[in-house]
Protein backbone atom coordinates (compact mmCIF):
# COMPACT_ATOMS: atom_id res chain seq x y z
CA MET A 1 58.62 196.18 22.31
CA GLN A 2 62.25 196.01 21.39
CA PRO A 3 63.88 192.82 22.87
CA GLN A 4 66.62 193.41 25.42
CA GLY A 5 69.88 191.55 24.65
CA GLU A 6 69.59 188.26 22.81
CA ALA A 7 66.16 186.82 21.99
CA ILE A 8 65.61 183.10 22.58
CA ARG A 9 63.51 181.06 20.19
CA HIS A 10 62.51 177.42 20.26
CA ARG A 11 62.53 175.11 17.27
CA VAL A 12 59.78 172.48 17.27
CA GLU A 13 59.42 169.54 14.90
CA MET A 14 55.77 169.00 14.02
CA PRO A 15 53.80 167.80 10.96
CA PRO A 16 52.59 170.82 8.91
CA ALA A 17 48.93 169.82 9.29
CA LYS A 18 49.21 170.13 13.09
CA LEU A 19 50.29 173.75 13.24
CA LYS A 20 49.40 176.60 10.85
CA PRO A 21 50.15 180.32 10.85
CA GLY A 22 47.74 182.09 13.14
CA ASP A 23 47.19 179.12 15.48
CA HIS A 24 47.40 179.76 19.20
CA VAL A 25 49.82 177.57 21.13
CA HIS A 26 50.51 177.06 24.82
CA ALA A 27 54.07 176.51 25.96
CA ALA A 28 54.83 175.31 29.49
CA VAL A 29 58.04 174.60 31.33
CA ASP A 30 58.52 170.99 32.46
CA ALA A 31 59.00 171.96 36.10
CA PRO A 32 60.48 168.69 37.48
CA ARG A 33 62.94 168.54 34.58
CA ARG A 34 63.86 172.20 35.01
CA ARG A 35 64.53 171.72 38.73
CA ALA A 36 66.76 168.69 38.00
CA VAL A 37 68.67 170.70 35.39
CA ALA A 38 69.02 173.61 37.81
CA ARG A 39 70.47 171.33 40.51
CA HIS A 40 73.07 169.93 38.11
CA HIS A 41 73.86 173.39 36.70
CA SER A 42 74.41 174.97 40.12
CA ALA A 43 76.54 171.97 41.09
CA THR A 44 78.88 172.63 38.13
CA HIS A 45 79.52 176.14 39.48
CA LEU A 46 80.38 174.75 42.89
CA LEU A 47 82.50 171.99 41.33
CA HIS A 48 84.45 174.58 39.33
CA ARG A 49 85.25 176.53 42.48
CA ALA A 50 86.20 173.34 44.37
CA LEU A 51 88.57 172.26 41.58
CA ARG A 52 90.30 175.65 41.59
CA ASP A 53 90.62 175.61 45.40
CA VAL A 54 92.14 172.10 45.41
CA LEU A 55 94.18 172.12 42.17
CA GLY A 56 94.93 175.82 41.77
CA GLU A 57 93.56 178.60 39.59
CA GLY A 58 94.90 176.85 36.50
CA ALA A 59 92.01 174.37 36.62
CA VAL A 60 89.81 176.45 34.31
CA GLN A 61 86.49 175.32 32.86
CA ALA A 62 86.64 174.31 29.19
CA GLY A 63 82.98 173.39 28.73
CA SER A 64 80.08 171.54 30.32
CA SER A 65 76.90 169.65 29.55
CA VAL A 66 74.00 169.86 31.99
CA GLN A 67 71.23 167.24 31.82
CA PRO A 68 68.41 166.34 34.23
CA ASP A 69 70.17 163.16 35.38
CA TYR A 70 73.87 164.03 35.06
CA ALA A 71 76.35 166.74 34.18
CA THR A 72 79.77 166.66 32.61
CA PHE A 73 82.38 169.27 33.45
CA ASP A 74 85.44 169.79 31.25
CA PHE A 75 88.45 171.64 32.61
CA ARG A 76 92.01 172.35 31.62
CA PHE A 77 94.61 170.47 33.62
CA PRO A 78 97.82 168.75 32.50
CA ARG A 79 97.41 165.43 34.31
CA ALA A 80 94.96 162.97 35.87
CA LEU A 81 93.73 163.70 39.36
CA THR A 82 94.92 161.43 42.14
CA ALA A 83 92.37 159.53 44.23
CA GLU A 84 93.23 161.81 47.16
CA GLU A 85 92.56 164.92 45.03
CA VAL A 86 89.21 163.56 43.87
CA ASP A 87 88.27 162.90 47.50
CA ARG A 88 89.27 166.45 48.51
CA VAL A 89 87.27 168.01 45.66
CA SER A 90 84.24 165.85 46.51
CA ALA A 91 84.46 166.67 50.22
CA LEU A 92 84.72 170.42 49.59
CA LEU A 93 81.91 170.38 47.02
CA ASN A 94 79.49 168.61 49.37
CA GLU A 95 80.54 170.76 52.31
CA LYS A 96 79.45 173.86 50.35
CA ILE A 97 76.21 172.14 49.33
CA ARG A 98 75.41 171.43 52.99
CA ALA A 99 76.29 175.04 53.87
CA ASN A 100 73.09 176.00 51.98
CA LEU A 101 74.72 178.99 50.31
CA VAL A 102 72.28 181.60 49.02
CA ARG A 103 72.24 182.26 45.30
CA ARG A 104 72.56 185.91 44.32
CA VAL A 105 72.03 187.25 40.78
CA GLU A 106 73.35 190.62 39.56
CA GLU A 107 73.47 192.37 36.21
CA LEU A 108 76.67 194.36 35.82
CA PRO A 109 78.82 195.86 33.10
CA LEU A 110 81.25 193.20 31.87
CA GLU A 111 84.40 194.95 33.07
CA GLU A 112 82.90 195.63 36.49
CA ALA A 113 81.79 192.00 36.82
CA ILE A 114 85.27 190.74 36.01
CA ALA A 115 86.76 193.19 38.50
CA THR A 116 84.61 191.72 41.28
CA GLY A 117 86.23 188.33 40.73
CA ALA A 118 83.50 186.68 38.64
CA VAL A 119 84.87 183.83 36.53
CA ALA A 120 84.35 184.16 32.77
CA LEU A 121 84.98 181.59 30.06
CA PHE A 122 87.49 182.88 27.55
CA ASP A 123 85.79 181.24 24.57
CA GLU A 124 82.35 182.72 25.42
CA LYS A 125 81.05 185.91 23.82
CA TYR A 126 79.54 188.35 26.33
CA GLY A 127 77.56 191.54 25.82
CA GLU A 128 78.23 194.87 27.49
CA ARG A 129 76.11 193.87 30.48
CA VAL A 130 76.34 190.40 31.96
CA ARG A 131 74.52 188.27 34.49
CA VAL A 132 76.60 187.28 37.52
CA VAL A 133 75.54 184.27 39.61
CA SER A 134 77.06 183.88 43.07
CA PHE A 135 76.66 181.28 45.78
CA GLY A 136 77.49 182.95 49.06
CA ASP A 137 80.90 184.56 48.91
CA TRP A 138 82.48 181.43 47.49
CA ALA A 139 81.54 180.72 43.86
CA ARG A 140 80.97 183.62 41.44
CA GLU A 141 80.60 183.24 37.66
CA LEU A 142 79.13 184.91 34.60
CA CYS A 143 76.12 182.81 33.67
CA GLY A 144 72.71 183.11 32.04
CA GLY A 145 71.34 179.69 33.02
CA THR A 146 68.84 178.36 35.51
CA HIS A 147 69.93 177.72 39.12
CA VAL A 148 68.64 176.67 42.52
CA GLU A 149 67.81 179.30 45.13
CA ARG A 150 70.16 177.80 47.73
CA SER A 151 72.95 175.24 47.36
CA GLY A 152 71.25 172.90 49.85
CA GLU A 153 68.62 172.13 47.18
CA ILE A 154 71.30 170.19 45.30
CA GLY A 155 71.19 167.49 48.00
CA ILE A 156 74.35 165.49 47.39
CA ALA A 157 76.90 165.39 44.57
CA LEU A 158 78.73 162.29 43.37
CA ILE A 159 81.68 162.86 41.06
CA SER A 160 83.56 160.25 39.07
CA THR A 161 87.28 160.06 38.53
CA ASP A 162 88.31 162.38 35.72
CA ARG A 163 89.34 161.19 32.26
CA SER A 164 91.18 162.78 29.39
CA ILE A 165 89.17 164.06 26.40
CA GLY A 166 92.04 165.82 24.63
CA ALA A 167 95.44 167.39 25.12
CA GLY A 168 95.39 169.07 28.51
CA VAL A 169 91.61 168.79 28.88
CA ARG A 170 89.89 166.47 31.34
CA ARG A 171 86.25 165.57 32.02
CA ILE A 172 84.41 164.81 35.25
CA GLU A 173 80.94 163.28 35.25
CA MET A 174 78.71 164.20 38.17
CA ARG A 175 75.26 163.29 39.45
CA VAL A 176 73.34 165.22 42.07
CA GLY A 177 69.99 165.06 43.84
CA ALA A 178 67.68 162.19 42.89
CA ALA A 179 70.12 161.00 40.19
CA ALA A 180 72.89 160.71 42.79
CA GLU A 181 70.55 158.88 45.14
CA GLN A 182 69.71 156.40 42.38
CA GLN A 183 73.42 155.89 41.69
CA ILE A 184 74.01 155.13 45.37
CA ARG A 185 71.15 152.62 45.44
CA ASN A 186 72.47 150.91 42.31
CA ALA A 187 75.95 150.67 43.80
CA GLU A 188 74.61 149.28 47.06
CA ARG A 189 72.58 146.66 45.17
CA VAL A 190 75.66 145.57 43.23
CA LEU A 191 77.66 145.31 46.45
CA ARG A 192 74.94 143.21 48.08
CA GLU A 193 74.75 140.89 45.07
CA LEU A 194 78.54 140.49 44.96
CA GLY A 195 78.58 139.88 48.69
CA ASP A 196 75.94 137.16 48.31
CA ILE A 197 77.80 135.53 45.41
CA LEU A 198 81.15 135.59 47.19
CA ARG A 199 79.62 135.01 50.64
CA THR A 200 81.46 138.04 51.93
CA ALA A 201 80.41 141.22 53.70
CA PRO A 202 80.49 144.25 51.34
CA SER A 203 83.26 145.87 53.41
CA GLU A 204 85.44 142.77 52.87
CA LEU A 205 84.90 142.48 49.10
CA PRO A 206 88.22 144.10 48.06
CA ALA A 207 90.22 141.64 50.17
CA ARG A 208 88.10 138.77 48.88
CA VAL A 209 88.68 139.77 45.26
CA VAL A 210 92.44 140.03 45.85
CA ALA A 211 92.40 136.54 47.37
CA LEU A 212 90.48 135.17 44.38
CA GLN A 213 92.90 136.80 41.95
CA THR A 214 95.79 135.18 43.81
CA GLU A 215 94.03 131.82 43.65
CA VAL A 216 93.35 132.20 39.92
CA LYS A 217 97.01 132.95 39.27
CA ARG A 218 98.00 129.87 41.29
CA LEU A 219 95.57 127.67 39.38
CA GLU A 220 96.76 129.06 36.06
CA LYS A 221 100.33 128.28 37.04
CA ASP A 222 99.35 124.77 38.16
CA ALA A 223 97.47 124.21 34.89
CA ALA A 224 100.51 125.32 32.89
CA ASN A 225 102.74 122.95 34.86
CA LEU A 226 100.21 120.19 34.36
CA ARG A 227 100.17 120.70 30.60
CA GLN A 228 103.96 120.58 30.56
CA ARG A 229 104.04 117.37 32.57
CA LEU A 230 101.44 115.70 30.39
CA ALA A 231 103.28 116.80 27.27
CA ALA A 232 106.53 115.43 28.69
CA GLY A 233 104.92 112.22 29.86
CA GLY A 234 105.66 110.43 26.59
CA SER A 235 103.85 107.53 25.02
CA ALA A 236 105.33 105.10 27.57
CA GLN A 237 102.98 106.47 30.25
CA LEU A 238 99.94 106.68 27.98
CA GLU A 239 97.75 103.79 26.94
CA GLU A 240 94.82 104.03 24.56
CA ALA A 241 92.13 101.69 23.35
CA GLU A 242 89.07 102.13 21.17
CA VAL A 243 85.85 100.25 21.78
CA ASP A 244 82.99 100.69 19.33
CA GLY A 245 84.18 104.20 18.44
CA VAL A 246 84.78 105.28 22.05
CA ARG A 247 88.35 106.18 22.97
CA LEU A 248 89.59 104.98 26.36
CA ILE A 249 92.76 106.75 27.52
CA LEU A 250 94.84 105.72 30.54
CA GLN A 251 97.48 108.20 31.77
CA ARG A 252 99.99 107.58 34.56
CA VAL A 253 101.31 110.70 36.35
CA ASP A 254 103.62 111.52 39.25
CA ASP A 255 102.94 109.32 42.28
CA GLN A 256 102.83 112.38 44.55
CA GLU A 257 99.87 113.99 42.81
CA LYS A 258 96.68 113.99 44.88
CA ASP A 259 94.13 116.00 42.87
CA LEU A 260 93.83 114.03 39.65
CA LEU A 261 90.65 115.52 38.16
CA PRO A 262 92.49 118.41 36.45
CA TYR A 263 94.69 115.78 34.78
CA ALA A 264 91.57 113.90 33.71
CA ASP A 265 90.27 117.09 32.04
CA GLN A 266 93.50 117.43 30.10
CA VAL A 267 93.57 113.77 29.08
CA LEU A 268 89.93 113.86 27.96
CA ASN A 269 90.76 116.66 25.53
CA ARG A 270 92.71 114.09 23.51
CA ALA A 271 89.46 112.18 22.94
CA ASN A 272 87.76 115.14 21.23
CA GLY A 273 84.62 114.83 23.32
CA ASN A 274 84.02 111.13 22.69
CA GLY A 275 85.93 109.17 25.25
CA VAL A 276 86.82 108.19 28.79
CA ALA A 277 89.89 109.42 30.66
CA ILE A 278 91.53 107.39 33.44
CA VAL A 279 94.39 108.92 35.42
CA ILE A 280 96.57 106.88 37.78
CA ALA A 281 98.99 108.26 40.37
CA GLY A 282 100.44 105.47 42.51
CA ARG A 283 97.49 103.97 44.38
CA ASN A 284 95.04 106.76 43.45
CA PHE A 285 92.85 107.12 40.38
CA ALA A 286 90.36 109.49 38.71
CA PHE A 287 87.86 108.97 35.90
CA LYS A 288 86.14 111.46 33.63
CA VAL A 289 83.61 110.62 30.92
CA ALA A 290 82.80 112.87 27.97
CA SER A 291 79.40 114.51 28.40
CA PRO A 292 77.67 112.76 25.44
CA LEU A 293 78.60 109.34 26.93
CA ALA A 294 77.72 110.00 30.58
CA ASP A 295 74.22 108.51 30.35
CA ARG A 296 75.41 105.22 28.81
CA LEU A 297 78.74 105.06 30.62
CA PRO A 298 78.35 106.60 34.10
CA ALA A 299 81.67 107.20 35.82
CA ASN A 300 80.62 105.21 38.88
CA ASP A 301 79.89 102.07 36.79
CA LEU A 302 83.26 102.35 35.05
CA ILE A 303 85.00 102.75 38.40
CA GLN A 304 83.34 99.64 39.80
CA ALA A 305 84.48 97.63 36.76
CA PHE A 306 88.00 98.98 37.32
CA ARG A 307 88.01 98.21 41.06
CA LYS A 308 86.89 94.62 40.54
CA VAL A 309 90.41 93.99 39.27
CA ALA A 310 92.53 96.77 40.83
CA GLY A 311 90.84 96.82 44.23
CA GLY A 312 90.76 99.97 46.33
CA LYS A 313 87.89 102.26 47.26
CA GLY A 314 86.06 105.00 45.43
CA GLY A 315 83.13 105.90 43.26
CA GLY A 316 81.69 108.58 41.10
CA ARG A 317 78.67 110.52 39.98
CA GLY A 318 77.72 111.60 36.49
CA GLN A 319 80.84 112.30 34.46
CA VAL A 320 83.51 112.15 37.18
CA GLY A 321 84.75 109.95 39.99
CA GLN A 322 87.90 109.09 41.92
CA GLY A 323 89.32 106.93 44.67
CA GLY A 324 92.43 105.24 46.01
CA GLY A 325 94.00 102.19 47.54
CA ILE A 326 94.34 100.29 44.25
CA ASP A 327 97.09 97.79 43.40
CA PRO A 328 99.32 99.59 40.87
CA ASN A 329 100.43 96.23 39.46
CA ARG A 330 96.85 95.39 38.44
CA VAL A 331 96.17 98.61 36.53
CA ASP A 332 96.72 97.14 33.05
CA ASP A 333 94.32 94.26 33.73
CA ALA A 334 91.83 96.67 35.29
CA PHE A 335 92.02 98.84 32.16
CA LYS A 336 91.07 95.76 30.09
CA SER A 337 88.19 95.15 32.48
CA VAL A 338 86.91 98.65 31.77
CA GLN A 339 87.16 97.98 28.03
CA ASP A 340 85.10 94.80 28.42
CA PHE A 341 82.49 96.71 30.43
CA VAL A 342 82.23 99.43 27.77
CA ARG A 343 81.92 96.81 25.04
CA LYS A 344 79.00 95.18 26.86
CA GLN A 345 77.32 98.50 27.58
CA LEU A 346 77.51 99.64 23.97
CA LYS A 347 76.51 96.30 22.48
CA PRO A 348 73.10 96.70 20.83
CA PRO A 349 70.30 94.62 22.42
CA PRO A 350 69.35 91.43 20.58
CA ARG A 351 66.48 91.78 18.18
CA PRO A 352 63.36 89.89 19.35
CA SER A 353 62.59 86.73 17.37
CA PRO A 354 59.31 86.64 15.45
CA ALA A 355 56.45 85.26 17.54
CA SER A 356 55.36 81.76 16.53
CA GLY A 357 51.72 80.72 16.55
CA GLY A 358 49.14 78.53 14.89
CA GLY A 359 48.08 79.47 11.43
CA GLY A 360 44.49 80.42 11.11
CA ASN A 361 42.64 83.29 9.63
CA PRO A 362 41.32 85.79 12.11
């Protein structure tokens, strides 16, 4: 029998020993995969029509890729779509899916098909007779691919914002059916997780993120001001001592400062990870101990040594601690008290003397 039109052949990669001339083979269509491809393919036809209705007839298809779990649709358009345009295209596309439009297939001479309004791709080569696929009276294109029987089989279509892939050509990625459902579930899971992390209802996440961004900018500005103040503080406000290789740094800052721990972080950087930072602002104080020293020199113990001389109230836990009510005039003596405490803490324990006993052979 002479083949009609173009013949389709499949290329299969297989070891030579597995298949020899004369062998009988059985080929079967992967039905679930074919149905998923058909849903995405039909959706590209509807998307094309929706784009032309919203953007104008100049939004012409420039290519597409149809897979079981997504489709990409390339079209000619001189600019990015606005968010409002994407919403309008999406709304129209899904409206036509829900309308459950019937698919109709015709074979017509090429010129007659074009005269009926069927959309053809200018870079495609068509024979004298062509296959025309229509969905209701809305979308009509020349096409030889697989499609659903009715648009309602597509289920739902999710389209992403378009992006440029070349001069005057843009690309939309779309998921339909089960793939779209999975995308929705993934998005909902992410929203729930973000809501749990930020302790915010999903609907309030945008406002929460904006508030956090504002707070980050404020903290960055405060940190920059802090670095400037510390840099401008001069050696007159900075005292340092070294005890058995541990650097102890005392920094006095503006009396009006209340949160001193950020200053302590900055001061501790001068110790290169092997020191103790003490920050004084009027009657308030803060301590921070480098992580490797925290076990031997807990912040709370250092604070108690400091308060024995400077007075006040406060304490700490682990690497950090703070308090207030100290006597600013006793700070220098209190700093020496901390040095004495560190010296005692780091002093190696005395070696035990040899046990004495009567001489006798065991």
